[in-house]
Amino acid sequence: MSLSFSIISALMAKKKSKNKQASNTIALNKKARHNYTLDDKFEAGMSLQGWELKSIRQGKVNISDCYVFIKDREAYLLGAEIHPLLSASSHVVCNPTRDRKLLLSRRELDRLIGAVERQGYSMIATAMYWKRNWVKLEFHLGKGKQTHDKRADIKDREWKVDQGRIMKQKSQ
C-alpha cells in the first residue's frame, strides 16, 4: 500500500513542476530600440547587495533610463533604479540609484573600451533577467538615432502592418 502511495505522490510532483512556467525577464528597456541602432549584444552578471536582490524578486526595478559606462577598466551600470522594500532592514543604507559593478571578462572589457573610445558607441541596457539563480543584464553597443531615422523606422513599421492587412484581404 505504501508503494502505490509513493508512486502516486511522485506523479503528482511531476505534474506540478510542468505547470510552473515563470518568465525569466525582470525588466525591459523598450525605448532602447527606438532611440538607438543596436549592434553587438553582451551579457553580464551584476554585483548586488542583499536588499537589492530581495527587491528584484518583488519586481521593483526600472532600467528605462540606464546605461553602462567604463571607469578604471571596469564596467558599471548607471541609472538603474532598484527601489527598496518597505520591510528593509533599518541598519542598511539603501541607495536606489547607486552604480552597480558589472561582471565581465577582460576580453569583453577590452572590446567594449575599444568600441566606446575609438568608434563612438554607447552601451545601452536592454533587459534584466534571471539565468538560473543569477541576475543578468543584457546590453548592446549602439549609436543614437536622429529624428529622421526614427521617423523612417515608424514609417517602415506602419507599412508592414498595412502590407499584412492587404495580404489578409486578398487571401479571403
N, C-alpha and C. Protein backbone atom coordinates (compact mmCIF):
# COMPACT_ATOMS: atom_id res chain seq x y z
N MET A 1 0.81 -1.19 0.00
CA MET A 1 0.00 0.00 0.00
C MET A 1 0.86 1.26 0.00
N SER A 2 1.95 1.28 0.76
CA SER A 2 2.81 2.46 0.81
C SER A 2 3.54 2.66 -0.52
N LEU A 3 3.78 1.56 -1.24
CA LEU A 3 4.45 1.67 -2.53
C LEU A 3 3.58 2.41 -3.54
N SER A 4 2.29 2.09 -3.60
CA SER A 4 1.41 2.76 -4.54
C SER A 4 1.21 4.23 -4.15
N PHE A 5 1.21 4.52 -2.87
CA PHE A 5 1.07 5.90 -2.43
C PHE A 5 2.29 6.72 -2.85
N SER A 6 3.48 6.15 -2.75
CA SER A 6 4.70 6.88 -3.13
C SER A 6 4.75 7.11 -4.64
N ILE A 7 4.25 6.17 -5.43
CA ILE A 7 4.22 6.33 -6.88
C ILE A 7 3.25 7.44 -7.27
N ILE A 8 2.08 7.45 -6.63
CA ILE A 8 1.08 8.49 -6.91
C ILE A 8 1.62 9.86 -6.53
N SER A 9 2.26 9.96 -5.36
CA SER A 9 2.79 11.26 -4.94
C SER A 9 3.92 11.71 -5.86
N ALA A 10 4.71 10.78 -6.40
CA ALA A 10 5.77 11.14 -7.33
C ALA A 10 5.17 11.66 -8.64
N LEU A 11 4.09 11.05 -9.11
CA LEU A 11 3.43 11.52 -10.32
C LEU A 11 2.82 12.90 -10.12
N MET A 12 2.26 13.13 -8.95
CA MET A 12 1.67 14.44 -8.64
C MET A 12 2.76 15.51 -8.62
N ALA A 13 3.92 15.18 -8.08
CA ALA A 13 5.02 16.14 -8.02
C ALA A 13 5.49 16.50 -9.43
N LYS A 14 5.53 15.55 -10.33
CA LYS A 14 5.94 15.83 -11.70
C LYS A 14 4.93 16.74 -12.40
N LYS A 15 3.65 16.53 -12.15
CA LYS A 15 2.63 17.37 -12.77
C LYS A 15 2.76 18.81 -12.31
N LYS A 16 3.05 19.03 -11.05
CA LYS A 16 3.18 20.39 -10.54
C LYS A 16 4.36 21.10 -11.18
N SER A 17 5.45 20.41 -11.38
CA SER A 17 6.63 21.06 -11.95
C SER A 17 6.42 21.42 -13.42
N LYS A 18 5.59 20.68 -14.15
CA LYS A 18 5.33 21.01 -15.55
C LYS A 18 4.47 22.26 -15.68
N ASN A 19 3.57 22.50 -14.73
CA ASN A 19 2.70 23.66 -14.80
C ASN A 19 3.43 24.96 -14.49
N LYS A 20 4.56 24.88 -13.83
CA LYS A 20 5.29 26.07 -13.44
C LYS A 20 6.06 26.62 -14.64
N GLN A 21 5.58 27.72 -15.21
CA GLN A 21 6.26 28.36 -16.33
C GLN A 21 6.34 29.85 -16.02
N ALA A 22 7.33 30.25 -15.27
CA ALA A 22 7.51 31.64 -14.91
C ALA A 22 8.44 32.30 -15.93
N SER A 23 8.21 33.57 -16.16
CA SER A 23 9.06 34.32 -17.07
C SER A 23 10.37 34.66 -16.37
N ASN A 24 11.46 34.58 -17.10
CA ASN A 24 12.76 34.91 -16.54
C ASN A 24 13.06 36.39 -16.61
N THR A 25 12.26 37.16 -17.33
CA THR A 25 12.51 38.57 -17.52
C THR A 25 12.11 39.35 -16.28
N ILE A 26 13.02 40.21 -15.82
CA ILE A 26 12.75 41.07 -14.67
C ILE A 26 12.30 42.44 -15.14
N ALA A 27 13.07 43.04 -16.06
CA ALA A 27 12.75 44.38 -16.56
C ALA A 27 13.25 44.52 -17.99
N LEU A 28 12.54 45.33 -18.78
CA LEU A 28 12.91 45.60 -20.17
C LEU A 28 13.04 47.10 -20.39
N ASN A 29 13.90 47.47 -21.33
CA ASN A 29 14.04 48.84 -21.76
C ASN A 29 13.49 48.92 -23.19
N LYS A 30 12.21 49.23 -23.30
CA LYS A 30 11.55 49.22 -24.61
C LYS A 30 11.93 50.42 -25.47
N LYS A 31 12.37 51.50 -24.85
CA LYS A 31 12.75 52.69 -25.61
C LYS A 31 14.10 52.55 -26.31
N ALA A 32 14.88 51.55 -25.92
CA ALA A 32 16.24 51.43 -26.45
C ALA A 32 16.24 51.22 -27.96
N ARG A 33 15.38 50.36 -28.47
CA ARG A 33 15.35 50.09 -29.91
C ARG A 33 14.83 51.29 -30.71
N HIS A 34 14.04 52.12 -30.07
CA HIS A 34 13.52 53.30 -30.75
C HIS A 34 14.57 54.41 -30.81
N ASN A 35 15.35 54.56 -29.75
CA ASN A 35 16.29 55.67 -29.67
C ASN A 35 17.70 55.34 -30.18
N TYR A 36 18.04 54.06 -30.33
CA TYR A 36 19.39 53.67 -30.73
C TYR A 36 19.34 52.61 -31.82
N THR A 37 20.37 52.59 -32.65
CA THR A 37 20.59 51.45 -33.53
C THR A 37 21.51 50.50 -32.76
N LEU A 38 21.02 49.34 -32.45
CA LEU A 38 21.74 48.40 -31.60
C LEU A 38 22.54 47.42 -32.44
N ASP A 39 23.79 47.17 -32.04
CA ASP A 39 24.66 46.28 -32.79
C ASP A 39 24.97 45.02 -32.01
N ASP A 40 26.07 45.00 -31.28
CA ASP A 40 26.54 43.79 -30.60
C ASP A 40 25.86 43.64 -29.24
N LYS A 41 25.53 42.39 -28.90
CA LYS A 41 24.85 42.10 -27.64
C LYS A 41 25.84 41.49 -26.65
N PHE A 42 25.75 41.91 -25.39
CA PHE A 42 26.59 41.39 -24.33
C PHE A 42 25.71 40.99 -23.16
N GLU A 43 26.22 40.05 -22.36
CA GLU A 43 25.53 39.61 -21.16
C GLU A 43 26.51 39.71 -20.00
N ALA A 44 26.05 40.31 -18.89
CA ALA A 44 26.94 40.50 -17.75
C ALA A 44 26.20 40.17 -16.46
N GLY A 45 26.93 39.62 -15.52
CA GLY A 45 26.41 39.45 -14.18
C GLY A 45 26.49 40.77 -13.44
N MET A 46 25.83 40.85 -12.29
CA MET A 46 25.82 42.10 -11.54
C MET A 46 26.22 41.84 -10.10
N SER A 47 26.95 42.77 -9.54
CA SER A 47 27.32 42.71 -8.13
C SER A 47 26.24 43.44 -7.34
N LEU A 48 25.44 42.70 -6.59
CA LEU A 48 24.29 43.26 -5.89
C LEU A 48 24.39 43.05 -4.39
N GLN A 49 23.70 43.89 -3.66
CA GLN A 49 23.59 43.73 -2.21
C GLN A 49 22.33 42.91 -1.92
N GLY A 50 22.21 42.45 -0.69
CA GLY A 50 21.10 41.59 -0.32
C GLY A 50 19.74 42.25 -0.48
N TRP A 51 19.60 43.50 -0.04
CA TRP A 51 18.32 44.17 -0.15
C TRP A 51 17.93 44.38 -1.60
N GLU A 52 18.93 44.55 -2.50
CA GLU A 52 18.64 44.73 -3.92
C GLU A 52 18.08 43.45 -4.51
N LEU A 53 18.63 42.34 -4.12
CA LEU A 53 18.16 41.07 -4.64
C LEU A 53 16.72 40.80 -4.21
N LYS A 54 16.40 41.12 -2.96
CA LYS A 54 15.03 40.95 -2.48
C LYS A 54 14.06 41.84 -3.24
N SER A 55 14.48 43.07 -3.53
CA SER A 55 13.63 43.98 -4.29
C SER A 55 13.45 43.51 -5.73
N ILE A 56 14.51 42.96 -6.31
CA ILE A 56 14.41 42.44 -7.68
C ILE A 56 13.43 41.28 -7.73
N ARG A 57 13.44 40.43 -6.72
CA ARG A 57 12.48 39.31 -6.68
C ARG A 57 11.05 39.82 -6.64
N GLN A 58 10.82 40.98 -6.04
CA GLN A 58 9.49 41.58 -5.98
C GLN A 58 9.17 42.40 -7.22
N GLY A 59 10.15 42.58 -8.11
CA GLY A 59 9.90 43.29 -9.37
C GLY A 59 9.98 44.79 -9.27
N LYS A 60 10.68 45.33 -8.30
CA LYS A 60 10.77 46.78 -8.11
C LYS A 60 12.01 47.34 -8.80
N VAL A 61 12.08 47.15 -10.13
CA VAL A 61 13.25 47.54 -10.91
C VAL A 61 12.80 48.38 -12.10
N ASN A 62 13.61 49.40 -12.43
CA ASN A 62 13.37 50.21 -13.61
C ASN A 62 14.70 50.43 -14.32
N ILE A 63 14.82 49.98 -15.56
CA ILE A 63 16.07 50.17 -16.32
C ILE A 63 15.82 50.99 -17.58
N SER A 64 14.77 51.80 -17.59
CA SER A 64 14.43 52.52 -18.82
C SER A 64 15.43 53.62 -19.15
N ASP A 65 16.06 54.25 -18.19
CA ASP A 65 16.98 55.35 -18.46
C ASP A 65 18.40 55.03 -18.01
N CYS A 66 18.80 53.79 -18.11
CA CYS A 66 20.13 53.45 -17.62
C CYS A 66 21.06 53.09 -18.77
N TYR A 67 22.33 53.18 -18.49
CA TYR A 67 23.34 52.81 -19.47
C TYR A 67 24.57 52.30 -18.74
N VAL A 68 25.50 51.76 -19.49
CA VAL A 68 26.72 51.17 -18.95
C VAL A 68 27.87 52.12 -19.28
N PHE A 69 28.74 52.34 -18.31
CA PHE A 69 29.94 53.13 -18.56
C PHE A 69 31.15 52.41 -17.99
N ILE A 70 32.33 52.79 -18.48
CA ILE A 70 33.56 52.14 -18.06
C ILE A 70 34.40 53.13 -17.28
N LYS A 71 34.85 52.69 -16.11
CA LYS A 71 35.69 53.53 -15.24
C LYS A 71 36.78 52.64 -14.67
N ASP A 72 38.02 53.04 -14.84
CA ASP A 72 39.17 52.28 -14.34
C ASP A 72 39.18 50.84 -14.85
N ARG A 73 38.87 50.67 -16.12
CA ARG A 73 38.86 49.36 -16.79
C ARG A 73 37.87 48.39 -16.15
N GLU A 74 36.78 48.91 -15.59
CA GLU A 74 35.69 48.10 -15.06
C GLU A 74 34.38 48.70 -15.54
N ALA A 75 33.37 47.87 -15.78
CA ALA A 75 32.08 48.32 -16.27
C ALA A 75 31.11 48.51 -15.12
N TYR A 76 30.31 49.57 -15.19
CA TYR A 76 29.32 49.88 -14.17
C TYR A 76 27.99 50.20 -14.83
N LEU A 77 26.92 49.89 -14.13
CA LEU A 77 25.57 50.21 -14.59
C LEU A 77 25.13 51.48 -13.87
N LEU A 78 24.77 52.49 -14.63
CA LEU A 78 24.39 53.78 -14.08
C LEU A 78 22.94 54.09 -14.40
N GLY A 79 22.19 54.53 -13.42
CA GLY A 79 20.82 54.98 -13.66
C GLY A 79 19.75 53.93 -13.45
N ALA A 80 20.11 52.71 -13.14
CA ALA A 80 19.09 51.69 -12.87
C ALA A 80 18.51 51.93 -11.48
N GLU A 81 17.20 51.89 -11.38
CA GLU A 81 16.54 52.13 -10.10
C GLU A 81 16.02 50.81 -9.54
N ILE A 82 16.53 50.45 -8.38
CA ILE A 82 16.03 49.29 -7.63
C ILE A 82 15.49 49.85 -6.33
N HIS A 83 14.18 49.92 -6.23
CA HIS A 83 13.54 50.53 -5.07
C HIS A 83 13.55 49.57 -3.88
N PRO A 84 13.94 50.05 -2.70
CA PRO A 84 13.98 49.17 -1.53
C PRO A 84 12.57 48.79 -1.07
N LEU A 85 12.46 47.64 -0.46
CA LEU A 85 11.20 47.21 0.11
C LEU A 85 10.90 47.99 1.38
N LEU A 86 9.64 48.07 1.73
CA LEU A 86 9.27 48.76 2.96
C LEU A 86 9.77 48.02 4.19
N SER A 87 9.92 46.72 4.06
CA SER A 87 10.36 45.91 5.19
C SER A 87 11.87 45.73 5.22
N ALA A 88 12.61 46.65 4.56
CA ALA A 88 14.07 46.54 4.54
C ALA A 88 14.64 46.79 5.93
N SER A 89 15.77 46.24 6.19
CA SER A 89 16.41 46.37 7.49
C SER A 89 16.79 47.83 7.75
N SER A 90 16.68 48.26 8.98
CA SER A 90 16.93 49.66 9.32
C SER A 90 18.42 50.00 9.37
N HIS A 91 19.30 49.02 9.53
CA HIS A 91 20.73 49.32 9.62
C HIS A 91 21.42 49.34 8.26
N VAL A 92 20.68 49.06 7.20
CA VAL A 92 21.25 49.07 5.85
C VAL A 92 20.85 50.37 5.16
N VAL A 93 21.83 51.06 4.60
CA VAL A 93 21.55 52.29 3.87
C VAL A 93 21.21 51.89 2.43
N CYS A 94 20.00 52.18 2.01
CA CYS A 94 19.52 51.78 0.68
C CYS A 94 19.61 52.96 -0.27
N ASN A 95 20.46 52.86 -1.27
CA ASN A 95 20.58 53.87 -2.32
C ASN A 95 20.03 53.27 -3.60
N PRO A 96 18.82 53.65 -4.02
CA PRO A 96 18.19 53.00 -5.18
C PRO A 96 18.91 53.22 -6.50
N THR A 97 19.71 54.27 -6.63
CA THR A 97 20.34 54.57 -7.93
C THR A 97 21.85 54.46 -7.88
N ARG A 98 22.40 53.66 -7.00
CA ARG A 98 23.86 53.54 -6.91
C ARG A 98 24.41 52.87 -8.17
N ASP A 99 25.70 53.10 -8.43
CA ASP A 99 26.36 52.45 -9.56
C ASP A 99 26.64 51.00 -9.19
N ARG A 100 26.24 50.08 -10.06
CA ARG A 100 26.43 48.64 -9.79
C ARG A 100 27.47 48.09 -10.73
N LYS A 101 28.42 47.36 -10.17
CA LYS A 101 29.51 46.81 -10.97
C LYS A 101 29.00 45.64 -11.80
N LEU A 102 29.43 45.60 -13.06
CA LEU A 102 29.08 44.50 -13.95
C LEU A 102 30.26 43.55 -14.03
N LEU A 103 29.95 42.27 -14.07
CA LEU A 103 30.97 41.23 -14.07
C LEU A 103 31.19 40.75 -15.50
N LEU A 104 32.30 41.18 -16.09
CA LEU A 104 32.65 40.84 -17.47
C LEU A 104 34.07 40.31 -17.51
N SER A 105 34.38 39.55 -18.55
CA SER A 105 35.74 39.05 -18.71
C SER A 105 36.64 40.18 -19.24
N ARG A 106 37.92 40.01 -19.09
CA ARG A 106 38.88 41.03 -19.53
C ARG A 106 38.79 41.24 -21.04
N ARG A 107 38.60 40.17 -21.79
CA ARG A 107 38.49 40.27 -23.25
C ARG A 107 37.27 41.10 -23.64
N GLU A 108 36.13 40.86 -22.98
CA GLU A 108 34.93 41.64 -23.27
C GLU A 108 35.13 43.11 -22.91
N LEU A 109 35.76 43.37 -21.78
CA LEU A 109 36.02 44.76 -21.38
C LEU A 109 36.91 45.47 -22.38
N ASP A 110 37.95 44.81 -22.85
CA ASP A 110 38.85 45.42 -23.83
C ASP A 110 38.10 45.74 -25.13
N ARG A 111 37.23 44.84 -25.54
CA ARG A 111 36.45 45.07 -26.76
C ARG A 111 35.49 46.25 -26.58
N LEU A 112 34.86 46.34 -25.40
CA LEU A 112 33.94 47.45 -25.12
C LEU A 112 34.68 48.78 -25.06
N ILE A 113 35.84 48.79 -24.42
CA ILE A 113 36.62 50.02 -24.31
C ILE A 113 37.01 50.51 -25.70
N GLY A 114 37.43 49.60 -26.57
CA GLY A 114 37.79 49.98 -27.93
C GLY A 114 36.61 50.54 -28.70
N ALA A 115 35.46 49.93 -28.57
CA ALA A 115 34.29 50.39 -29.32
C ALA A 115 33.82 51.75 -28.83
N VAL A 116 33.87 51.97 -27.53
CA VAL A 116 33.38 53.24 -26.99
C VAL A 116 34.36 54.37 -27.28
N GLU A 117 35.64 54.14 -27.05
CA GLU A 117 36.61 55.22 -27.20
C GLU A 117 36.95 55.51 -28.65
N ARG A 118 37.09 54.50 -29.48
CA ARG A 118 37.55 54.72 -30.85
C ARG A 118 36.40 54.88 -31.84
N GLN A 119 35.33 54.15 -31.66
CA GLN A 119 34.27 54.13 -32.66
C GLN A 119 33.03 54.94 -32.25
N GLY A 120 32.99 55.48 -31.04
CA GLY A 120 31.90 56.35 -30.63
C GLY A 120 30.61 55.65 -30.28
N TYR A 121 30.66 54.40 -29.85
CA TYR A 121 29.46 53.68 -29.46
C TYR A 121 29.05 54.02 -28.03
N SER A 122 27.79 53.78 -27.73
CA SER A 122 27.26 53.85 -26.36
C SER A 122 26.87 52.44 -25.96
N MET A 123 26.81 52.20 -24.67
CA MET A 123 26.38 50.89 -24.16
C MET A 123 25.05 51.07 -23.47
N ILE A 124 24.00 50.47 -24.04
CA ILE A 124 22.64 50.67 -23.59
C ILE A 124 22.09 49.37 -23.02
N ALA A 125 21.58 49.44 -21.79
CA ALA A 125 20.98 48.27 -21.16
C ALA A 125 19.60 48.04 -21.77
N THR A 126 19.32 46.80 -22.17
CA THR A 126 18.04 46.49 -22.80
C THR A 126 17.17 45.56 -21.98
N ALA A 127 17.76 44.70 -21.15
CA ALA A 127 16.95 43.75 -20.38
C ALA A 127 17.71 43.30 -19.14
N MET A 128 16.93 42.96 -18.12
CA MET A 128 17.46 42.33 -16.92
C MET A 128 16.65 41.07 -16.72
N TYR A 129 17.31 39.94 -16.46
CA TYR A 129 16.60 38.68 -16.37
C TYR A 129 17.32 37.72 -15.44
N TRP A 130 16.61 36.64 -15.10
CA TRP A 130 17.18 35.56 -14.28
C TRP A 130 17.80 34.52 -15.19
N LYS A 131 18.98 34.06 -14.83
CA LYS A 131 19.59 32.92 -15.51
C LYS A 131 20.03 31.98 -14.39
N ARG A 132 19.30 30.91 -14.24
CA ARG A 132 19.39 30.05 -13.07
C ARG A 132 19.11 30.89 -11.83
N ASN A 133 20.07 31.02 -10.92
CA ASN A 133 19.85 31.82 -9.71
C ASN A 133 20.53 33.19 -9.79
N TRP A 134 21.04 33.54 -10.95
CA TRP A 134 21.81 34.76 -11.08
C TRP A 134 21.03 35.82 -11.84
N VAL A 135 21.23 37.07 -11.47
CA VAL A 135 20.64 38.20 -12.18
C VAL A 135 21.61 38.61 -13.27
N LYS A 136 21.14 38.64 -14.50
CA LYS A 136 21.98 39.02 -15.65
C LYS A 136 21.43 40.28 -16.29
N LEU A 137 22.33 41.06 -16.86
CA LEU A 137 21.97 42.27 -17.58
C LEU A 137 22.37 42.09 -19.03
N GLU A 138 21.44 42.33 -19.93
CA GLU A 138 21.73 42.31 -21.37
C GLU A 138 21.89 43.75 -21.82
N PHE A 139 23.02 44.04 -22.46
CA PHE A 139 23.20 45.38 -23.01
C PHE A 139 23.81 45.27 -24.39
N HIS A 140 23.62 46.32 -25.17
CA HIS A 140 24.07 46.36 -26.55
C HIS A 140 24.98 47.55 -26.78
N LEU A 141 25.87 47.42 -27.73
CA LEU A 141 26.59 48.57 -28.26
C LEU A 141 25.68 49.22 -29.27
N GLY A 142 25.55 50.53 -29.21
CA GLY A 142 24.66 51.19 -30.14
C GLY A 142 25.03 52.64 -30.36
N LYS A 143 24.45 53.19 -31.41
CA LYS A 143 24.62 54.61 -31.71
C LYS A 143 23.25 55.25 -31.72
N GLY A 144 23.19 56.48 -31.23
CA GLY A 144 21.91 57.19 -31.15
C GLY A 144 21.32 57.49 -32.51
N LYS A 145 20.01 57.35 -32.61
CA LYS A 145 19.32 57.67 -33.86
C LYS A 145 18.95 59.15 -33.86
N GLN A 146 18.92 59.72 -35.06
CA GLN A 146 18.44 61.08 -35.19
C GLN A 146 16.95 61.04 -35.50
N THR A 147 16.31 62.18 -35.46
CA THR A 147 14.85 62.25 -35.61
C THR A 147 14.38 61.66 -36.93
N HIS A 148 15.09 61.95 -38.02
CA HIS A 148 14.64 61.43 -39.32
C HIS A 148 14.78 59.91 -39.39
N ASP A 149 15.76 59.34 -38.68
CA ASP A 149 15.88 57.88 -38.64
C ASP A 149 14.71 57.26 -37.90
N LYS A 150 14.28 57.89 -36.82
CA LYS A 150 13.15 57.38 -36.04
C LYS A 150 11.87 57.41 -36.88
N ARG A 151 11.71 58.51 -37.64
CA ARG A 151 10.51 58.62 -38.48
C ARG A 151 10.51 57.56 -39.57
N ALA A 152 11.66 57.29 -40.13
CA ALA A 152 11.76 56.26 -41.17
C ALA A 152 11.41 54.88 -40.61
N ASP A 153 11.85 54.60 -39.39
CA ASP A 153 11.51 53.31 -38.77
C ASP A 153 10.01 53.19 -38.51
N ILE A 154 9.40 54.28 -38.06
CA ILE A 154 7.94 54.27 -37.81
C ILE A 154 7.21 54.05 -39.13
N LYS A 155 7.67 54.71 -40.18
CA LYS A 155 7.03 54.57 -41.50
C LYS A 155 7.15 53.14 -42.00
N ASP A 156 8.32 52.51 -41.84
CA ASP A 156 8.50 51.12 -42.26
C ASP A 156 7.60 50.17 -41.46
N ARG A 157 7.50 50.41 -40.17
CA ARG A 157 6.66 49.56 -39.33
C ARG A 157 5.19 49.66 -39.72
N GLU A 158 4.72 50.90 -39.98
CA GLU A 158 3.34 51.07 -40.40
C GLU A 158 3.09 50.43 -41.76
N TRP A 159 4.05 50.49 -42.68
CA TRP A 159 3.89 49.87 -43.98
C TRP A 159 3.78 48.36 -43.85
N LYS A 160 4.55 47.76 -42.95
CA LYS A 160 4.46 46.32 -42.74
C LYS A 160 3.09 45.92 -42.22
N VAL A 161 2.51 46.73 -41.35
CA VAL A 161 1.16 46.46 -40.83
C VAL A 161 0.15 46.55 -41.96
N ASP A 162 0.24 47.61 -42.78
CA ASP A 162 -0.68 47.76 -43.92
C ASP A 162 -0.51 46.63 -44.92
N GLN A 163 0.73 46.22 -45.15
CA GLN A 163 1.01 45.13 -46.08
C GLN A 163 0.36 43.84 -45.59
N GLY A 164 0.43 43.59 -44.29
CA GLY A 164 -0.21 42.40 -43.72
C GLY A 164 -1.72 42.44 -43.90
N ARG A 165 -2.32 43.62 -43.74
CA ARG A 165 -3.78 43.76 -43.94
C ARG A 165 -4.16 43.50 -45.39
N ILE A 166 -3.37 44.03 -46.31
CA ILE A 166 -3.65 43.85 -47.74
C ILE A 166 -3.56 42.37 -48.11
N MET A 167 -2.53 41.70 -47.64
CA MET A 167 -2.34 40.28 -47.93
C MET A 167 -3.48 39.45 -47.33
N LYS A 168 -3.92 39.84 -46.16
CA LYS A 168 -5.02 39.11 -45.49
C LYS A 168 -6.32 39.28 -46.28
N GLN A 169 -6.58 40.50 -46.78
CA GLN A 169 -7.80 40.74 -47.55
C GLN A 169 -7.77 39.97 -48.86
N LYS A 170 -6.62 39.89 -49.52
CA LYS A 170 -6.52 39.18 -50.79
C LYS A 170 -6.69 37.66 -50.63
N SER A 171 -6.27 37.16 -49.48
CA SER A 171 -6.39 35.71 -49.28
C SER A 171 -7.81 35.28 -48.95
N GLN A 172 -8.65 36.19 -48.56
CA GLN A 172 -10.04 35.83 -48.20
C GLN A 172 -10.95 35.79 -49.36
